[in-house]
Amino acid sequence: MNIMLVWVTERTREIGLRLALGAKGRDVRLQFLTEAVLITAISGALGILAGFATARSLTQWLAWPTEVSMPAAWIAFGFAAAVGILFGWYPARKAADTDPIEALRFE
């Protein structure tokens, strides 16, 4: 959420320009929410791949029997996506509620 809030702050002029040119708050909210979900989904997928690779490595190198269940992987992925939606909503709403005139003056 902190990173998304920083992105909203850094892109204030862009948001103001989009709103001034006719974009609705819904469009801006959807943009930032989509970015948050994509980032968390990609991160979740990479984390699951790293978990599978680590489990396989432990089995090969240290002879520790490991097994990763697919339901656990799907739950982890779903949790990552849910976190993206929950913690992406506030920054997306903040971006959508930006006053276009004040945003264009922002330095």
PDB file of N, CA and C in Angstrom:
ATOM      1  N   MET A   1       0.831  -1.190   0.000  1.00  0.00           N
ATOM      2  CA  MET A   1       0.000   0.000   0.000  1.00  0.00           C
ATOM      3  C   MET A   1       0.874   1.252   0.000  1.00  0.00           C
ATOM      4  N   ASN A   2       1.971   1.207   0.745  1.00  0.00           N
ATOM      5  CA  ASN A   2       2.856   2.374   0.790  1.00  0.00           C
ATOM      6  C   ASN A   2       3.426   2.686  -0.581  1.00  0.00           C
ATOM      7  N   ILE A   3       3.815   1.660  -1.304  1.00  0.00           N
ATOM      8  CA  ILE A   3       4.361   1.885  -2.645  1.00  0.00           C
ATOM      9  C   ILE A   3       3.295   2.473  -3.557  1.00  0.00           C
ATOM     10  N   MET A   4       2.088   1.975  -3.454  1.00  0.00           N
ATOM     11  CA  MET A   4       1.008   2.508  -4.283  1.00  0.00           C
ATOM     12  C   MET A   4       0.717   3.967  -3.918  1.00  0.00           C
ATOM     13  N   LEU A   5       0.766   4.296  -2.638  1.00  0.00           N
ATOM     14  CA  LEU A   5       0.556   5.693  -2.236  1.00  0.00           C
ATOM     15  C   LEU A   5       1.661   6.590  -2.780  1.00  0.00           C
ATOM     16  N   VAL A   6       2.894   6.099  -2.789  1.00  0.00           N
ATOM     17  CA  VAL A   6       3.999   6.879  -3.360  1.00  0.00           C
ATOM     18  C   VAL A   6       3.775   7.057  -4.861  1.00  0.00           C
ATOM     19  N   TRP A   7       3.318   5.993  -5.535  1.00  0.00           N
ATOM     20  CA  TRP A   7       3.046   6.108  -6.972  1.00  0.00           C
ATOM     21  C   TRP A   7       1.971   7.139  -7.251  1.00  0.00           C
ATOM     22  N   VAL A   8       0.942   7.163  -6.427  1.00  0.00           N
ATOM     23  CA  VAL A   8      -0.120   8.160  -6.614  1.00  0.00           C
ATOM     24  C   VAL A   8       0.458   9.559  -6.450  1.00  0.00           C
ATOM     25  N   THR A   9       1.299   9.752  -5.441  1.00  0.00           N
ATOM     26  CA  THR A   9       1.897  11.064  -5.210  1.00  0.00           C
ATOM     27  C   THR A   9       2.813  11.463  -6.365  1.00  0.00           C
ATOM     28  N   GLU A  10       3.627  10.523  -6.835  1.00  0.00           N
ATOM     29  CA  GLU A  10       4.550  10.830  -7.921  1.00  0.00           C
ATOM     30  C   GLU A  10       3.829  11.097  -9.237  1.00  0.00           C
ATOM     31  N   ARG A  11       2.672  10.519  -9.401  1.00  0.00           N
ATOM     32  CA  ARG A  11       1.953  10.650 -10.670  1.00  0.00           C
ATOM     33  C   ARG A  11       0.759  11.600 -10.564  1.00  0.00           C
ATOM     34  N   THR A  12       0.818  12.507  -9.611  1.00  0.00           N
ATOM     35  CA  THR A  12      -0.295  13.426  -9.387  1.00  0.00           C
ATOM     36  C   THR A  12      -0.595  14.254 -10.626  1.00  0.00           C
ATOM     37  N   ARG A  13       0.435  14.759 -11.290  1.00  0.00           N
ATOM     38  CA  ARG A  13       0.201  15.563 -12.502  1.00  0.00           C
ATOM     39  C   ARG A  13      -0.447  14.717 -13.600  1.00  0.00           C
ATOM     40  N   GLU A  14       0.003  13.484 -13.764  1.00  0.00           N
ATOM     41  CA  GLU A  14      -0.595  12.591 -14.765  1.00  0.00           C
ATOM     42  C   GLU A  14      -2.071  12.339 -14.451  1.00  0.00           C
ATOM     43  N   ILE A  15      -2.369  12.104 -13.187  1.00  0.00           N
ATOM     44  CA  ILE A  15      -3.755  11.869 -12.777  1.00  0.00           C
ATOM     45  C   ILE A  15      -4.592  13.105 -13.051  1.00  0.00           C
ATOM     46  N   GLY A  16      -4.068  14.279 -12.679  1.00  0.00           N
ATOM     47  CA  GLY A  16      -4.785  15.528 -12.928  1.00  0.00           C
ATOM     48  C   GLY A  16      -5.031  15.757 -14.403  1.00  0.00           C
ATOM     49  N   LEU A  17      -4.052  15.460 -15.228  1.00  0.00           N
ATOM     50  CA  LEU A  17      -4.203  15.620 -16.672  1.00  0.00           C
ATOM     51  C   LEU A  17      -5.269  14.677 -17.214  1.00  0.00           C
ATOM     52  N   ARG A  18      -5.247  13.430 -16.773  1.00  0.00           N
ATOM     53  CA  ARG A  18      -6.271  12.480 -17.225  1.00  0.00           C
ATOM     54  C   ARG A  18      -7.667  12.943 -16.823  1.00  0.00           C
ATOM     55  N   LEU A  19      -7.797  13.405 -15.584  1.00  0.00           N
ATOM     56  CA  LEU A  19      -9.103  13.870 -15.116  1.00  0.00           C
ATOM     57  C   LEU A  19      -9.542  15.131 -15.859  1.00  0.00           C
ATOM     58  N   ALA A  20      -8.580  16.026 -16.128  1.00  0.00           N
ATOM     59  CA  ALA A  20      -8.909  17.265 -16.842  1.00  0.00           C
ATOM     60  C   ALA A  20      -9.322  16.985 -18.280  1.00  0.00           C
ATOM     61  N   LEU A  21      -8.788  15.925 -18.866  1.00  0.00           N
ATOM     62  CA  LEU A  21      -9.130  15.581 -20.245  1.00  0.00           C
ATOM     63  C   LEU A  21     -10.406  14.753 -20.354  1.00  0.00           C
ATOM     64  N   GLY A  22     -11.027  14.453 -19.216  1.00  0.00           N
ATOM     65  CA  GLY A  22     -12.328  13.794 -19.271  1.00  0.00           C
ATOM     66  C   GLY A  22     -12.409  12.403 -18.699  1.00  0.00           C
ATOM     67  N   ALA A  23     -11.310  11.897 -18.174  1.00  0.00           N
ATOM     68  CA  ALA A  23     -11.384  10.574 -17.554  1.00  0.00           C
ATOM     69  C   ALA A  23     -12.225  10.673 -16.289  1.00  0.00           C
ATOM     70  N   LYS A  24     -13.000   9.660 -16.049  1.00  0.00           N
ATOM     71  CA  LYS A  24     -13.828   9.636 -14.845  1.00  0.00           C
ATOM     72  C   LYS A  24     -12.997   9.079 -13.688  1.00  0.00           C
ATOM     73  N   GLY A  25     -13.419   9.376 -12.480  1.00  0.00           N
ATOM     74  CA  GLY A  25     -12.737   8.845 -11.306  1.00  0.00           C
ATOM     75  C   GLY A  25     -12.701   7.331 -11.339  1.00  0.00           C
ATOM     76  N   ARG A  26     -13.751   6.735 -11.887  1.00  0.00           N
ATOM     77  CA  ARG A  26     -13.827   5.277 -12.014  1.00  0.00           C
ATOM     78  C   ARG A  26     -12.669   4.745 -12.869  1.00  0.00           C
ATOM     79  N   ASP A  27     -12.335   5.478 -13.943  1.00  0.00           N
ATOM     80  CA  ASP A  27     -11.246   5.055 -14.831  1.00  0.00           C
ATOM     81  C   ASP A  27      -9.901   5.100 -14.115  1.00  0.00           C
ATOM     82  N   VAL A  28      -9.663   6.158 -13.368  1.00  0.00           N
ATOM     83  CA  VAL A  28      -8.408   6.302 -12.624  1.00  0.00           C
ATOM     84  C   VAL A  28      -8.330   5.244 -11.537  1.00  0.00           C
ATOM     85  N   ARG A  29      -9.448   5.025 -10.830  1.00  0.00           N
ATOM     86  CA  ARG A  29      -9.486   4.013  -9.782  1.00  0.00           C
ATOM     87  C   ARG A  29      -9.189   2.629 -10.369  1.00  0.00           C
ATOM     88  N   LEU A  30      -9.782   2.330 -11.510  1.00  0.00           N
ATOM     89  CA  LEU A  30      -9.555   1.039 -12.163  1.00  0.00           C
ATOM     90  C   LEU A  30      -8.095   0.883 -12.587  1.00  0.00           C
ATOM     91  N   GLN A  31      -7.486   1.968 -13.076  1.00  0.00           N
ATOM     92  CA  GLN A  31      -6.080   1.907 -13.488  1.00  0.00           C
ATOM     93  C   GLN A  31      -5.185   1.520 -12.313  1.00  0.00           C
ATOM     94  N   PHE A  32      -5.326   2.205 -11.200  1.00  0.00           N
ATOM     95  CA  PHE A  32      -4.454   1.946 -10.063  1.00  0.00           C
ATOM     96  C   PHE A  32      -4.770   0.618  -9.398  1.00  0.00           C
ATOM     97  N   LEU A  33      -6.030   0.241  -9.369  1.00  0.00           N
ATOM     98  CA  LEU A  33      -6.389  -1.052  -8.797  1.00  0.00           C
ATOM     99  C   LEU A  33      -5.855  -2.186  -9.670  1.00  0.00           C
ATOM    100  N   THR A  34      -5.894  -2.014 -10.985  1.00  0.00           N
ATOM    101  CA  THR A  34      -5.348  -3.014 -11.898  1.00  0.00           C
ATOM    102  C   THR A  34      -3.837  -3.146 -11.703  1.00  0.00           C
ATOM    103  N   GLU A  35      -3.150  -2.031 -11.567  1.00  0.00           N
ATOM    104  CA  GLU A  35      -1.707  -2.068 -11.329  1.00  0.00           C
ATOM    105  C   GLU A  35      -1.391  -2.814 -10.034  1.00  0.00           C
ATOM    106  N   ALA A  36      -2.144  -2.542  -8.985  1.00  0.00           N
ATOM    107  CA  ALA A  36      -1.901  -3.199  -7.697  1.00  0.00           C
ATOM    108  C   ALA A  36      -2.129  -4.706  -7.807  1.00  0.00           C
ATOM    109  N   VAL A  37      -3.200  -5.102  -8.467  1.00  0.00           N
ATOM    110  CA  VAL A  37      -3.496  -6.530  -8.595  1.00  0.00           C
ATOM    111  C   VAL A  37      -2.448  -7.224  -9.466  1.00  0.00           C
ATOM    112  N   LEU A  38      -2.028  -6.583 -10.539  1.00  0.00           N
ATOM    113  CA  LEU A  38      -1.007  -7.186 -11.396  1.00  0.00           C
ATOM    114  C   LEU A  38       0.314  -7.365 -10.652  1.00  0.00           C
ATOM    115  N   ILE A  39       0.712  -6.355  -9.908  1.00  0.00           N
ATOM    116  CA  ILE A  39       1.967  -6.446  -9.162  1.00  0.00           C
ATOM    117  C   ILE A  39       1.904  -7.577  -8.146  1.00  0.00           C
ATOM    118  N   THR A  40       0.798  -7.679  -7.407  1.00  0.00           N
ATOM    119  CA  THR A  40       0.710  -8.731  -6.403  1.00  0.00           C
ATOM    120  C   THR A  40       0.540 -10.106  -7.040  1.00  0.00           C
ATOM    121  N   ALA A  41      -0.154 -10.190  -8.172  1.00  0.00           N
ATOM    122  CA  ALA A  41      -0.311 -11.484  -8.838  1.00  0.00           C
ATOM    123  C   ALA A  41       1.027 -11.981  -9.382  1.00  0.00           C
ATOM    124  N   ILE A  42       1.779 -11.094  -9.995  1.00  0.00           N
ATOM    125  CA  ILE A  42       3.100 -11.480 -10.506  1.00  0.00           C
ATOM    126  C   ILE A  42       4.018 -11.859  -9.344  1.00  0.00           C
ATOM    127  N   SER A  43       3.990 -11.073  -8.285  1.00  0.00           N
ATOM    128  CA  SER A  43       4.813 -11.376  -7.115  1.00  0.00           C
ATOM    129  C   SER A  43       4.402 -12.697  -6.475  1.00  0.00           C
ATOM    130  N   GLY A  44       3.100 -12.939  -6.396  1.00  0.00           N
ATOM    131  CA  GLY A  44       2.612 -14.200  -5.844  1.00  0.00           C
ATOM    132  C   GLY A  44       3.053 -15.386  -6.686  1.00  0.00           C
ATOM    133  N   ALA A  45       2.966 -15.255  -8.003  1.00  0.00           N
ATOM    134  CA  ALA A  45       3.394 -16.338  -8.895  1.00  0.00           C
ATOM    135  C   ALA A  45       4.897 -16.589  -8.765  1.00  0.00           C
ATOM    136  N   LEU A  46       5.687 -15.522  -8.695  1.00  0.00           N
ATOM    137  CA  LEU A  46       7.131 -15.688  -8.524  1.00  0.00           C
ATOM    138  C   LEU A  46       7.464 -16.324  -7.174  1.00  0.00           C
ATOM    139  N   GLY A  47       6.717 -15.962  -6.151  1.00  0.00           N
ATOM    140  CA  GLY A  47       6.921 -16.563  -4.836  1.00  0.00           C
ATOM    141  C   GLY A  47       6.592 -18.048  -4.828  1.00  0.00           C
ATOM    142  N   ILE A  48       5.526 -18.420  -5.520  1.00  0.00           N
ATOM    143  CA  ILE A  48       5.161 -19.831  -5.603  1.00  0.00           C
ATOM    144  C   ILE A  48       6.224 -20.603  -6.375  1.00  0.00           C
ATOM    145  N   LEU A  49       6.702 -20.036  -7.479  1.00  0.00           N
ATOM    146  CA  LEU A  49       7.779 -20.691  -8.235  1.00  0.00           C
ATOM    147  C   LEU A  49       9.038 -20.837  -7.387  1.00  0.00           C
ATOM    148  N   ALA A  50       9.371 -19.817  -6.620  1.00  0.00           N
ATOM    149  CA  ALA A  50      10.536 -19.899  -5.735  1.00  0.00           C
ATOM    150  C   ALA A  50      10.331 -20.974  -4.671  1.00  0.00           C
ATOM    151  N   GLY A  51       9.117 -21.101  -4.181  1.00  0.00           N
ATOM    152  CA  GLY A  51       8.830 -22.154  -3.202  1.00  0.00           C
ATOM    153  C   GLY A  51       8.991 -23.541  -3.787  1.00  0.00           C
ATOM    154  N   PHE A  52       8.478 -23.742  -5.007  1.00  0.00           N
ATOM    155  CA  PHE A  52       8.647 -25.032  -5.675  1.00  0.00           C
ATOM    156  C   PHE A  52      10.127 -25.321  -5.918  1.00  0.00           C
ATOM    157  N   ALA A  53      10.866 -24.316  -6.380  1.00  0.00           N
ATOM    158  CA  ALA A  53      12.291 -24.498  -6.654  1.00  0.00           C
ATOM    159  C   ALA A  53      13.061 -24.809  -5.373  1.00  0.00           C
ATOM    160  N   THR A  54      12.729 -24.125  -4.293  1.00  0.00           N
ATOM    161  CA  THR A  54      13.397 -24.375  -3.022  1.00  0.00           C
ATOM    162  C   THR A  54      13.099 -25.781  -2.517  1.00  0.00           C
ATOM    163  N   ALA A  55      11.846 -26.197  -2.619  1.00  0.00           N
ATOM    164  CA  ALA A  55      11.477 -27.544  -2.182  1.00  0.00           C
ATOM    165  C   ALA A  55      12.217 -28.599  -2.999  1.00  0.00           C
ATOM    166  N   ARG A  56      12.287 -28.384  -4.297  1.00  0.00           N
ATOM    167  CA  ARG A  56      12.991 -29.345  -5.162  1.00  0.00           C
ATOM    168  C   ARG A  56      14.490 -29.367  -4.845  1.00  0.00           C
ATOM    169  N   SER A  57      15.059 -28.200  -4.606  1.00  0.00           N
ATOM    170  CA  SER A  57      16.480 -28.114  -4.273  1.00  0.00           C
ATOM    171  C   SER A  57      16.786 -28.829  -2.964  1.00  0.00           C
ATOM    172  N   LEU A  58      15.935 -28.641  -1.970  1.00  0.00           N
ATOM    173  CA  LEU A  58      16.146 -29.324  -0.688  1.00  0.00           C
ATOM    174  C   LEU A  58      16.078 -30.837  -0.857  1.00  0.00           C
ATOM    175  N   THR A  59      15.183 -31.291  -1.710  1.00  0.00           N
ATOM    176  CA  THR A  59      15.076 -32.728  -1.954  1.00  0.00           C
ATOM    177  C   THR A  59      16.322 -33.253  -2.646  1.00  0.00           C
ATOM    178  N   GLN A  60      16.841 -32.534  -3.629  1.00  0.00           N
ATOM    179  CA  GLN A  60      17.999 -33.009  -4.385  1.00  0.00           C
ATOM    180  C   GLN A  60      19.306 -32.888  -3.603  1.00  0.00           C
ATOM    181  N   TRP A  61      19.560 -31.747  -3.004  1.00  0.00           N
ATOM    182  CA  TRP A  61      20.858 -31.491  -2.401  1.00  0.00           C
ATOM    183  C   TRP A  61      20.998 -32.041  -0.991  1.00  0.00           C
ATOM    184  N   LEU A  62      19.937 -31.937  -0.207  1.00  0.00           N
ATOM    185  CA  LEU A  62      20.042 -32.366   1.189  1.00  0.00           C
ATOM    186  C   LEU A  62      19.297 -33.668   1.465  1.00  0.00           C
ATOM    187  N   ALA A  63      18.659 -34.214   0.444  1.00  0.00           N
ATOM    188  CA  ALA A  63      17.894 -35.460   0.556  1.00  0.00           C
ATOM    189  C   ALA A  63      16.761 -35.341   1.572  1.00  0.00           C
ATOM    190  N   TRP A  64      16.216 -34.155   1.698  1.00  0.00           N
ATOM    191  CA  TRP A  64      15.049 -33.961   2.548  1.00  0.00           C
ATOM    192  C   TRP A  64      13.807 -34.171   1.697  1.00  0.00           C
ATOM    193  N   PRO A  65      12.944 -35.058   2.075  1.00  0.00           N
ATOM    194  CA  PRO A  65      11.733 -35.260   1.278  1.00  0.00           C
ATOM    195  C   PRO A  65      10.768 -34.076   1.456  1.00  0.00           C
ATOM    196  N   THR A  66      10.481 -33.402   0.374  1.00  0.00           N
ATOM    197  CA  THR A  66       9.563 -32.264   0.422  1.00  0.00           C
ATOM    198  C   THR A  66       8.463 -32.470  -0.596  1.00  0.00           C
ATOM    199  N   GLU A  67       7.324 -31.905  -0.304  1.00  0.00           N
ATOM    200  CA  GLU A  67       6.199 -31.965  -1.230  1.00  0.00           C
ATOM    201  C   GLU A  67       5.386 -30.684  -1.063  1.00  0.00           C
ATOM    202  N   VAL A  68       5.079 -30.056  -2.168  1.00  0.00           N
ATOM    203  CA  VAL A  68       4.269 -28.841  -2.146  1.00  0.00           C
ATOM    204  C   VAL A  68       2.921 -29.195  -2.769  1.00  0.00           C
ATOM    205  N   SER A  69       1.874 -28.971  -2.016  1.00  0.00           N
ATOM    206  CA  SER A  69       0.546 -29.316  -2.536  1.00  0.00           C
ATOM    207  C   SER A  69       0.009 -28.173  -3.396  1.00  0.00           C
ATOM    208  N   MET A  70      -0.688 -28.524  -4.439  1.00  0.00           N
ATOM    209  CA  MET A  70      -1.274 -27.511  -5.319  1.00  0.00           C
ATOM    210  C   MET A  70      -2.349 -26.680  -4.614  1.00  0.00           C
ATOM    211  N   PRO A  71      -3.199 -27.272  -3.760  1.00  0.00           N
ATOM    212  CA  PRO A  71      -4.158 -26.414  -3.047  1.00  0.00           C
ATOM    213  C   PRO A  71      -3.471 -25.325  -2.217  1.00  0.00           C
ATOM    214  N   ALA A  72      -2.347 -25.666  -1.600  1.00  0.00           N
ATOM    215  CA  ALA A  72      -1.617 -24.659  -0.819  1.00  0.00           C
ATOM    216  C   ALA A  72      -1.076 -23.561  -1.730  1.00  0.00           C
ATOM    217  N   ALA A  73      -0.608 -23.940  -2.913  1.00  0.00           N
ATOM    218  CA  ALA A  73      -0.100 -22.946  -3.862  1.00  0.00           C
ATOM    219  C   ALA A  73      -1.231 -22.030  -4.331  1.00  0.00           C
ATOM    220  N   TRP A  74      -2.398 -22.596  -4.606  1.00  0.00           N
ATOM    221  CA  TRP A  74      -3.536 -21.766  -5.043  1.00  0.00           C
ATOM    222  C   TRP A  74      -4.020 -20.854  -3.927  1.00  0.00           C
ATOM    223  N   ILE A  75      -4.000 -21.341  -2.709  1.00  0.00           N
ATOM    224  CA  ILE A  75      -4.392 -20.492  -1.573  1.00  0.00           C
ATOM    225  C   ILE A  75      -3.414 -19.333  -1.425  1.00  0.00           C
ATOM    226  N   ALA A  76      -2.127 -19.607  -1.573  1.00  0.00           N
ATOM    227  CA  ALA A  76      -1.112 -18.549  -1.483  1.00  0.00           C
ATOM    228  C   ALA A  76      -1.312 -17.522  -2.590  1.00  0.00           C
ATOM    229  N   PHE A  77      -1.591 -17.995  -3.789  1.00  0.00           N
ATOM    230  CA  PHE A  77      -1.816 -17.083  -4.904  1.00  0.00           C
ATOM    231  C   PHE A  77      -3.073 -16.243  -4.673  1.00  0.00           C
ATOM    232  N   GLY A  78      -4.130 -16.875  -4.206  1.00  0.00           N
ATOM    233  CA  GLY A  78      -5.368 -16.146  -3.906  1.00  0.00           C
ATOM    234  C   GLY A  78      -5.174 -15.114  -2.814  1.00  0.00           C
ATOM    235  N   PHE A  79      -4.383 -15.462  -1.809  1.00  0.00           N
ATOM    236  CA  PHE A  79      -4.099 -14.518  -0.734  1.00  0.00           C
ATOM    237  C   PHE A  79      -3.320 -13.320  -1.262  1.00  0.00           C
ATOM    238  N   ALA A  80      -2.353 -13.564  -2.144  1.00  0.00           N
ATOM    239  CA  ALA A  80      -1.581 -12.466  -2.732  1.00  0.00           C
ATOM    240  C   ALA A  80      -2.486 -11.544  -3.540  1.00  0.00           C
ATOM    241  N   ALA A  81      -3.398 -12.113  -4.315  1.00  0.00           N
ATOM    242  CA  ALA A  81      -4.325 -11.293  -5.102  1.00  0.00           C
ATOM    243  C   ALA A  81      -5.266 -10.505  -4.193  1.00  0.00           C
ATOM    244  N   ALA A  82      -5.729 -11.136  -3.120  1.00  0.00           N
ATOM    245  CA  ALA A  82      -6.619 -10.444  -2.174  1.00  0.00           C
ATOM    246  C   ALA A  82      -5.905  -9.273  -1.505  1.00  0.00           C
ATOM    247  N   VAL A  83      -4.647  -9.469  -1.148  1.00  0.00           N
ATOM    248  CA  VAL A  83      -3.873  -8.382  -0.546  1.00  0.00           C
ATOM    249  C   VAL A  83      -3.735  -7.231  -1.537  1.00  0.00           C
ATOM    250  N   GLY A  84      -3.517  -7.551  -2.812  1.00  0.00           N
ATOM    251  CA  GLY A  84      -3.421  -6.516  -3.836  1.00  0.00           C
ATOM    252  C   GLY A  84      -4.697  -5.714  -3.958  1.00  0.00           C
ATOM    253  N   ILE A  85      -5.826  -6.394  -3.890  1.00  0.00           N
ATOM    254  CA  ILE A  85      -7.110  -5.699  -3.999  1.00  0.00           C
ATOM    255  C   ILE A  85      -7.360  -4.853  -2.757  1.00  0.00           C
ATOM    256  N   LEU A  86      -7.156  -5.440  -1.587  1.00  0.00           N
ATOM    257  CA  LEU A  86      -7.446  -4.718  -0.345  1.00  0.00           C
ATOM    258  C   LEU A  86      -6.538  -3.509  -0.150  1.00  0.00           C
ATOM    259  N   PHE A  87      -5.243  -3.703  -0.351  1.00  0.00           N
ATOM    260  CA  PHE A  87      -4.310  -2.608  -0.104  1.00  0.00           C
ATOM    261  C   PHE A  87      -4.113  -1.716  -1.323  1.00  0.00           C
ATOM    262  N   GLY A  88      -4.689  -2.062  -2.441  1.00  0.00           N
ATOM    263  CA  GLY A  88      -4.662  -1.194  -3.610  1.00  0.00           C
ATOM    264  C   GLY A  88      -5.874  -0.298  -3.693  1.00  0.00           C
ATOM    265  N   TRP A  89      -6.921  -0.628  -2.929  1.00  0.00           N
ATOM    266  CA  TRP A  89      -8.173   0.132  -3.018  1.00  0.00           C
ATOM    267  C   TRP A  89      -8.009   1.565  -2.514  1.00  0.00           C
ATOM    268  N   TYR A  90      -7.373   1.752  -1.356  1.00  0.00           N
ATOM    269  CA  TYR A  90      -7.248   3.104  -0.807  1.00  0.00           C
ATOM    270  C   TYR A  90      -6.426   4.027  -1.708  1.00  0.00           C
ATOM    271  N   PRO A  91      -5.246   3.619  -2.170  1.00  0.00           N
ATOM    272  CA  PRO A  91      -4.504   4.501  -3.082  1.00  0.00           C
ATOM    273  C   PRO A  91      -5.270   4.771  -4.382  1.00  0.00           C
ATOM    274  N   ALA A  92      -5.997   3.775  -4.867  1.00  0.00           N
ATOM    275  CA  ALA A  92      -6.779   3.972  -6.089  1.00  0.00           C
ATOM    276  C   ALA A  92      -7.897   4.983  -5.857  1.00  0.00           C
ATOM    277  N   ARG A  93      -8.538   4.886  -4.707  1.00  0.00           N
ATOM    278  CA  ARG A  93      -9.602   5.840  -4.380  1.00  0.00           C
ATOM    279  C   ARG A  93      -9.033   7.239  -4.185  1.00  0.00           C
ATOM    280  N   LYS A  94      -7.862   7.320  -3.542  1.00  0.00           N
ATOM    281  CA  LYS A  94      -7.213   8.618  -3.338  1.00  0.00           C
ATOM    282  C   LYS A  94      -6.874   9.258  -4.686  1.00  0.00           C
ATOM    283  N   ALA A  95      -6.390   8.453  -5.634  1.00  0.00           N
ATOM    284  CA  ALA A  95      -6.062   8.973  -6.965  1.00  0.00           C
ATOM    285  C   ALA A  95      -7.321   9.438  -7.684  1.00  0.00           C
ATOM    286  N   ALA A  96      -8.397   8.692  -7.551  1.00  0.00           N
ATOM    287  CA  ALA A  96      -9.635   9.045  -8.239  1.00  0.00           C
ATOM    288  C   ALA A  96     -10.274  10.304  -7.658  1.00  0.00           C
ATOM    289  N   ASP A  97     -10.044  10.571  -6.379  1.00  0.00           N
ATOM    290  CA  ASP A  97     -10.641  11.747  -5.725  1.00  0.00           C
ATOM    291  C   ASP A  97      -9.786  13.002  -5.869  1.00  0.00           C
ATOM    292  N   THR A  98      -8.713  12.929  -6.635  1.00  0.00           N
ATOM    293  CA  THR A  98      -7.817  14.067  -6.814  1.00  0.00           C
ATOM    294  C   THR A  98      -8.518  15.178  -7.590  1.00  0.00           C
ATOM    295  N   ASP A  99      -8.343  16.404  -7.111  1.00  0.00           N
ATOM    296  CA  ASP A  99      -8.881  17.563  -7.815  1.00  0.00           C
ATOM    297  C   ASP A  99      -7.968  17.863  -9.002  1.00  0.00           C
ATOM    298  N   PRO A 100      -8.499  17.862 -10.239  1.00  0.00           N
ATOM    299  CA  PRO A 100      -7.642  18.040 -11.416  1.00  0.00           C
ATOM    300  C   PRO A 100      -6.851  19.346 -11.403  1.00  0.00           C
ATOM    301  N   ILE A 101      -7.449  20.422 -10.951  1.00  0.00           N
ATOM    302  CA  ILE A 101      -6.762  21.719 -10.971  1.00  0.00           C
ATOM    303  C   ILE A 101      -5.605  21.733  -9.978  1.00  0.00           C
ATOM    304  N   GLU A 102      -5.844  21.218  -8.782  1.00  0.00           N
ATOM    305  CA  GLU A 102      -4.779  21.150  -7.788  1.00  0.00           C
ATOM    306  C   GLU A 102      -3.683  20.192  -8.233  1.00  0.00           C
ATOM    307  N   ALA A 103      -4.062  19.107  -8.900  1.00  0.00           N
ATOM    308  CA  ALA A 103      -3.074  18.121  -9.367  1.00  0.00           C
ATOM    309  C   ALA A 103      -2.187  18.715 -10.448  1.00  0.00           C
ATOM    310  N   LEU A 104      -2.740  19.528 -11.319  1.00  0.00           N
ATOM    311  CA  LEU A 104      -1.927  20.121 -12.379  1.00  0.00           C
ATOM    312  C   LEU A 104      -0.955  21.158 -11.821  1.00  0.00           C
ATOM    313  N   ARG A 105      -1.267  21.752 -10.678  1.00  0.00           N
ATOM    314  CA  ARG A 105      -0.368  22.711 -10.038  1.00  0.00           C
ATOM    315  C   ARG A 105       0.706  22.027  -9.217  1.00  0.00           C
ATOM    316  N   PHE A 106       0.523  20.753  -8.935  1.00  0.00           N
ATOM    317  CA  PHE A 106       1.411  20.002  -8.052  1.00  0.00           C
ATOM    318  C   PHE A 106       2.817  19.905  -8.640  1.00  0.00           C
ATOM    319  N   GLU A 107       3.818  20.129  -7.844  1.00  0.00           N
ATOM    320  CA  GLU A 107       5.229  20.006  -8.289  1.00  0.00           C
ATOM    321  C   GLU A 107       5.881  18.870  -7.595  1.00  0.00           C
TER     322      GLU A 107
END
